[in-house]
Amino acid sequence: MNAVLIIDKPQGITSHDVVARVRRICGERSVGHLGTLDPMATGVLPLVLGKMTRLAPFFGDAEKEYEGTIRFGFATDTYDAEGEASGAERTLDVTLEELRVLAQQFRGSISQVPPVFSAKKINGVPAYKLARKHETPALKAVAVEVYSFILLSLDGQDLEFHCNVSAGTYVRSLAHDLGQLAGCGAHLARLRRVRAGAFSIADAITLDKLEMAVSKGDKVGLHAREILPEMPSVTADERAEVGIRHGAAINLPEMSKSKLVKVFRGQSELIAIASRVAGTLFQPKIVLI
């Protein structure tokens, strides 16, 4: 099966668990995910299957959009609800409006320290492995972009929020750091990814529905023209297709200034990604036939 699937990841399993189940459901060994989600998180998890795994480098570091809940009162060692409390529970004594003022510090270009329980590597070792040994990884702050961080409502100790962030941003750290500013600690209680780049939750399918669709023989996955929307789509004639099969430079009817194009046979079969050499001359970079 050659496809791009958007899975609505359930809570409580890893991204690798999702990949393993999709392998079984689809009978396809070559399956990869385009960016992980923590076990606690749900929502958009894009997968590439079969020959489409070769397109993974073109997806790049897409921005992400989340909604979730921050619970005030205590921090945890993992910065989320799966961790151990870092201290005694305290009462949140600031208002929603005061929290919104504090949250302004986490908008725009910021310097963020990743959680100690993260996949960030220190001398080649993931930080979470050191943390599990009760070591304290010395993690360096990294530059990230928080395009929006909207605090929606406050119900007791629970704050509902929505954010749009760059790749590499830890929403767990946003929750933890806001709790520190509030003076009572906080952790991420719920997280749902609703968008990853061009992939939306509206495009997503649950694992159960995927299994049902595959068992019925229904077609699953995004249409090839929907993926990598920043690249124009062009249709190759028979002569160009022969050139693509041999990896030769070809002329394509592409008049925009895009450096990369998706090349199709007919209207639906993606056969290559090609790079502009000059004018309408393109060199195949990835060949799928």
Protein backbone atom coordinates (compact mmCIF):
# COMPACT_ATOMS: atom_id res chain seq x y z
CA MET A 1 0.00 0.00 0.00
CA ASN A 2 1.37 3.39 -1.03
CA ALA A 3 -0.43 6.09 0.94
CA VAL A 4 -0.30 9.06 3.27
CA LEU A 5 -2.60 8.46 6.25
CA ILE A 6 -3.60 10.92 8.94
CA ILE A 7 -4.32 8.92 12.07
CA ASP A 8 -6.32 10.33 14.97
CA LYS A 9 -3.99 8.91 17.61
CA PRO A 10 -5.73 7.63 20.74
CA GLN A 11 -4.50 8.34 24.24
CA GLY A 12 -2.25 5.94 26.09
CA ILE A 13 -0.15 4.50 23.27
CA THR A 14 3.08 5.64 21.65
CA SER A 15 3.48 6.82 18.07
CA HIS A 16 5.50 3.65 17.47
CA ASP A 17 2.53 1.59 18.70
CA VAL A 18 0.38 3.32 16.07
CA VAL A 19 2.92 2.49 13.35
CA ALA A 20 2.97 -1.16 14.43
CA ARG A 21 -0.81 -1.44 14.34
CA VAL A 22 -1.05 0.25 10.93
CA ARG A 23 1.52 -2.24 9.61
CA ARG A 24 -0.73 -5.08 10.71
CA ILE A 25 -3.96 -3.51 9.46
CA CYS A 26 -2.63 -2.54 6.04
CA GLY A 27 -0.24 -5.44 5.51
CA GLU A 28 2.51 -2.96 4.68
CA ARG A 29 5.93 -3.22 6.34
CA SER A 30 7.21 0.20 5.25
CA VAL A 31 5.39 2.63 7.56
CA GLY A 32 6.80 5.76 9.18
CA HIS A 33 5.40 8.71 11.12
CA LEU A 34 6.06 12.38 10.41
CA GLY A 35 6.67 13.63 13.94
CA THR A 36 5.79 11.91 17.22
CA LEU A 37 3.09 12.51 19.80
CA ASP A 38 3.55 11.72 23.49
CA PRO A 39 1.51 8.72 24.74
CA MET A 40 -0.78 11.07 26.69
CA ALA A 41 -1.54 13.18 23.60
CA THR A 42 -4.19 12.52 20.96
CA GLY A 43 -4.88 13.81 17.48
CA VAL A 44 -3.09 14.32 14.20
CA LEU A 45 -0.34 11.80 13.51
CA PRO A 46 0.63 11.71 9.80
CA LEU A 47 1.96 8.39 8.48
CA VAL A 48 3.62 7.51 5.19
CA LEU A 49 3.26 4.00 3.80
CA GLY A 50 5.04 2.01 1.11
CA LYS A 51 6.77 4.10 -1.54
CA MET A 52 5.39 7.25 0.07
CA THR A 53 7.96 6.83 2.87
CA ARG A 54 10.48 8.20 0.36
CA LEU A 55 8.67 11.54 0.50
CA ALA A 56 9.30 12.02 4.23
CA PRO A 57 12.25 14.45 3.77
CA PHE A 58 10.00 16.86 1.84
CA PHE A 59 7.58 17.40 4.69
CA GLY A 60 10.15 19.29 6.77
CA ASP A 61 9.49 20.89 10.14
CA ALA A 62 5.85 21.91 9.95
CA GLU A 63 4.20 24.14 12.52
CA LYS A 64 1.74 22.49 14.90
CA GLU A 65 -1.62 23.49 16.37
CA TYR A 66 -2.89 22.15 19.70
CA GLU A 67 -5.72 22.43 22.17
CA GLY A 68 -5.57 21.17 25.70
CA THR A 69 -5.81 21.64 29.46
CA ILE A 70 -3.22 22.96 31.91
CA ARG A 71 -3.84 21.92 35.53
CA PHE A 72 -2.50 24.27 38.19
CA GLY A 73 -1.61 23.35 41.76
CA PHE A 74 1.55 21.28 41.30
CA ALA A 75 4.27 20.60 38.75
CA THR A 76 5.42 17.12 37.75
CA ASP A 77 8.81 15.74 36.77
CA THR A 78 7.58 15.01 33.23
CA TYR A 79 5.66 18.31 32.98
CA ASP A 80 2.47 16.33 32.24
CA ALA A 81 -0.12 14.22 34.04
CA GLU A 82 1.90 11.03 33.64
CA GLY A 83 4.69 12.23 35.90
CA GLU A 84 5.27 12.35 39.65
CA ALA A 85 4.28 15.48 41.55
CA SER A 86 7.25 17.72 42.31
CA GLY A 87 5.79 19.10 45.52
CA ALA A 88 2.70 19.59 47.64
CA GLU A 89 -0.45 20.83 45.93
CA ARG A 90 -1.14 24.55 46.17
CA THR A 91 -4.13 26.68 45.28
CA LEU A 92 -4.10 28.87 42.19
CA ASP A 93 -4.74 32.40 43.41
CA VAL A 94 -4.56 34.37 40.16
CA THR A 95 -7.39 35.13 37.75
CA LEU A 96 -7.78 34.18 34.11
CA GLU A 97 -6.97 37.74 33.08
CA GLU A 98 -3.80 37.68 35.19
CA LEU A 99 -2.82 34.37 33.59
CA ARG A 100 -3.35 35.90 30.16
CA VAL A 101 -0.93 38.69 31.08
CA LEU A 102 1.65 36.13 32.24
CA ALA A 103 1.17 34.07 29.05
CA GLN A 104 2.27 37.04 26.94
CA GLN A 105 5.84 36.11 27.90
CA PHE A 106 5.45 32.90 25.88
CA ARG A 107 4.45 34.44 22.57
CA GLY A 108 6.70 35.10 19.59
CA SER A 109 10.33 33.98 19.47
CA ILE A 110 11.23 32.55 22.87
CA SER A 111 14.01 30.53 24.44
CA GLN A 112 12.65 27.28 25.86
CA VAL A 113 14.28 24.58 27.99
CA PRO A 114 12.94 21.12 26.97
CA PRO A 115 11.57 18.81 29.67
CA VAL A 116 14.12 16.47 31.26
CA PHE A 117 11.83 13.61 30.21
CA SER A 118 12.26 14.23 26.49
CA ALA A 119 14.04 12.71 23.51
CA LYS A 120 16.62 15.49 23.42
CA LYS A 121 20.05 13.86 23.37
CA ILE A 122 22.98 14.60 25.65
CA ASN A 123 26.22 13.10 24.38
CA GLY A 124 24.12 10.76 22.25
CA VAL A 125 21.87 9.61 25.10
CA PRO A 126 18.17 10.63 25.20
CA ALA A 127 17.51 12.86 28.21
CA TYR A 128 14.61 10.69 29.42
CA LYS A 129 16.94 7.71 29.86
CA LEU A 130 19.17 9.77 32.13
CA ALA A 131 16.16 11.13 34.02
CA ARG A 132 14.88 7.59 34.66
CA LYS A 133 18.21 6.87 36.36
CA HIS A 134 17.53 9.89 38.59
CA GLU A 135 20.27 11.84 36.87
CA THR A 136 19.69 15.51 36.03
CA PRO A 137 20.29 16.10 32.32
CA ALA A 138 21.82 19.49 31.54
CA LEU A 139 19.51 20.59 28.75
CA LYS A 140 20.22 23.78 26.86
CA ALA A 141 17.51 26.26 25.98
CA VAL A 142 16.50 26.26 22.32
CA ALA A 143 14.87 28.95 20.21
CA VAL A 144 11.25 28.20 19.28
CA GLU A 145 8.35 30.19 17.90
CA VAL A 146 4.96 30.48 19.60
CA TYR A 147 2.65 32.01 17.01
CA SER A 148 -0.34 32.05 19.37
CA PHE A 149 -1.04 30.95 22.94
CA ILE A 150 -4.68 31.65 23.72
CA LEU A 151 -6.06 31.02 27.21
CA LEU A 152 -9.74 30.22 26.70
CA SER A 153 -11.30 29.55 30.09
CA LEU A 154 -10.47 28.75 33.71
CA ASP A 155 -12.51 26.26 35.75
CA GLY A 156 -11.06 25.93 39.23
CA GLN A 157 -7.49 24.74 38.69
CA ASP A 158 -8.01 23.75 35.03
CA LEU A 159 -7.13 26.12 32.19
CA GLU A 160 -8.31 25.43 28.64
CA PHE A 161 -5.98 26.73 25.94
CA HIS A 162 -5.22 26.74 22.22
CA CYS A 163 -1.78 27.27 20.72
CA ASN A 164 0.01 27.37 17.38
CA VAL A 165 3.74 26.68 17.60
CA SER A 166 6.82 25.89 15.54
CA ALA A 167 8.27 22.42 15.23
CA GLY A 168 10.39 21.57 18.26
CA THR A 169 8.21 23.47 20.74
CA TYR A 170 7.28 21.52 23.87
CA VAL A 171 3.74 22.41 24.96
CA ARG A 172 4.55 20.60 28.22
CA SER A 173 7.19 23.25 28.88
CA LEU A 174 4.68 26.04 28.20
CA ALA A 175 2.40 24.52 30.85
CA HIS A 176 5.22 24.03 33.35
CA ASP A 177 6.70 27.49 32.87
CA LEU A 178 3.31 29.20 33.15
CA GLY A 179 2.77 27.36 36.41
CA GLN A 180 6.08 28.66 37.73
CA LEU A 181 5.05 32.23 36.92
CA ALA A 182 1.67 31.67 38.59
CA GLY A 183 3.48 30.63 41.76
CA CYS A 184 1.72 27.31 42.34
CA GLY A 185 3.12 25.00 39.69
CA ALA A 186 1.27 23.41 36.79
CA HIS A 187 1.40 20.52 34.38
CA LEU A 188 -0.18 19.50 31.10
CA ALA A 189 -3.32 17.49 31.83
CA ARG A 190 -4.63 17.02 28.27
CA LEU A 191 -3.26 17.64 24.79
CA ARG A 192 -4.80 17.19 21.37
CA ARG A 193 -3.01 18.05 18.14
CA VAL A 194 -5.50 19.43 15.66
CA ARG A 195 -3.09 20.32 12.88
CA ALA A 196 0.42 19.46 11.73
CA GLY A 197 1.43 21.56 8.74
CA ALA A 198 -1.14 20.97 6.02
CA PHE A 199 -2.62 17.95 7.85
CA SER A 200 -5.80 18.67 9.82
CA ILE A 201 -7.84 16.65 12.28
CA ALA A 202 -10.62 16.83 9.67
CA ASP A 203 -8.46 14.55 7.49
CA ALA A 204 -7.80 12.06 10.29
CA ILE A 205 -9.15 8.55 10.73
CA THR A 206 -9.18 6.45 13.88
CA LEU A 207 -7.39 3.11 13.95
CA ASP A 208 -10.70 1.25 14.35
CA LYS A 209 -12.22 2.99 11.32
CA LEU A 210 -9.05 2.35 9.33
CA GLU A 211 -9.26 -1.35 10.13
CA MET A 212 -12.92 -1.44 9.08
CA ALA A 213 -12.21 0.42 5.82
CA VAL A 214 -9.30 -1.85 4.89
CA SER A 215 -11.34 -4.97 5.67
CA LYS A 216 -14.03 -3.72 3.25
CA GLY A 217 -11.46 -2.95 0.57
CA ASP A 218 -12.21 0.78 0.71
CA LYS A 219 -9.54 3.20 -0.46
CA VAL A 220 -7.85 4.99 2.43
CA GLY A 221 -5.41 7.88 2.72
CA LEU A 222 -5.14 11.34 1.24
CA HIS A 223 -5.37 11.90 -2.49
CA ALA A 224 -1.85 12.36 -3.85
CA ARG A 225 -2.71 15.87 -5.04
CA GLU A 226 -3.54 16.87 -1.45
CA ILE A 227 -0.08 16.12 -0.05
CA LEU A 228 2.77 18.65 -0.23
CA PRO A 229 0.34 21.39 -1.34
CA GLU A 230 3.16 23.91 -1.66
CA MET A 231 4.38 22.03 -4.74
CA PRO A 232 2.52 22.54 -8.03
CA SER A 233 1.14 19.40 -9.70
CA VAL A 234 1.98 18.64 -13.33
CA THR A 235 1.06 15.75 -15.60
CA ALA A 236 3.79 13.97 -17.54
CA ASP A 237 3.25 12.81 -21.12
CA GLU A 238 4.50 9.40 -22.26
CA ARG A 239 7.88 10.76 -23.35
CA ALA A 240 8.47 12.50 -20.03
CA GLU A 241 7.42 9.37 -18.16
CA VAL A 242 10.07 7.32 -19.98
CA GLY A 243 12.66 9.90 -18.96
CA ILE A 244 11.49 9.80 -15.35
CA ARG A 245 11.83 6.01 -15.26
CA HIS A 246 15.48 6.41 -16.29
CA GLY A 247 16.14 9.35 -13.99
CA ALA A 248 16.79 11.68 -16.91
CA ALA A 249 16.08 15.41 -17.00
CA ILE A 250 12.72 16.11 -18.64
CA ASN A 251 10.67 19.03 -19.91
CA LEU A 252 7.43 19.63 -18.05
CA PRO A 253 4.57 22.07 -18.69
CA GLU A 254 5.21 24.01 -15.49
CA MET A 255 5.11 27.79 -15.75
CA SER A 256 5.39 28.85 -12.08
CA LYS A 257 8.68 29.62 -10.40
CA SER A 258 8.51 26.67 -8.00
CA LYS A 259 11.77 24.76 -7.59
CA LEU A 260 9.97 21.48 -6.89
CA VAL A 261 6.92 19.93 -8.56
CA LYS A 262 4.81 16.81 -8.10
CA VAL A 263 4.68 14.81 -11.32
CA PHE A 264 1.60 12.70 -12.07
CA ARG A 265 0.56 10.06 -14.52
CA GLY A 266 -2.99 11.08 -15.35
CA GLN A 267 -4.91 12.79 -12.57
CA SER A 268 -4.21 10.64 -9.55
CA GLU A 269 -0.96 8.61 -9.69
CA LEU A 270 2.05 10.43 -8.27
CA ILE A 271 5.14 9.16 -10.08
CA ALA A 272 7.91 11.56 -9.08
CA ILE A 273 9.08 14.69 -7.32
CA ALA A 274 11.20 16.75 -9.72
CA SER A 275 13.54 19.70 -9.22
CA ARG A 276 13.84 22.57 -11.66
CA VAL A 277 17.15 22.70 -13.55
CA ALA A 278 16.35 25.68 -15.78
CA GLY A 279 13.22 26.99 -17.47
CA THR A 280 10.88 24.00 -17.94
CA LEU A 281 13.68 21.43 -17.57
CA PHE A 282 13.34 19.32 -14.40
CA GLN A 283 15.44 16.58 -12.85
CA PRO A 284 13.62 13.77 -11.00
CA LYS A 285 14.65 13.68 -7.33
CA ILE A 286 12.33 10.90 -6.14
CA VAL A 287 10.96 8.35 -8.60
CA LEU A 288 7.95 6.29 -7.47
CA ILE A 289 7.54 4.04 -10.53
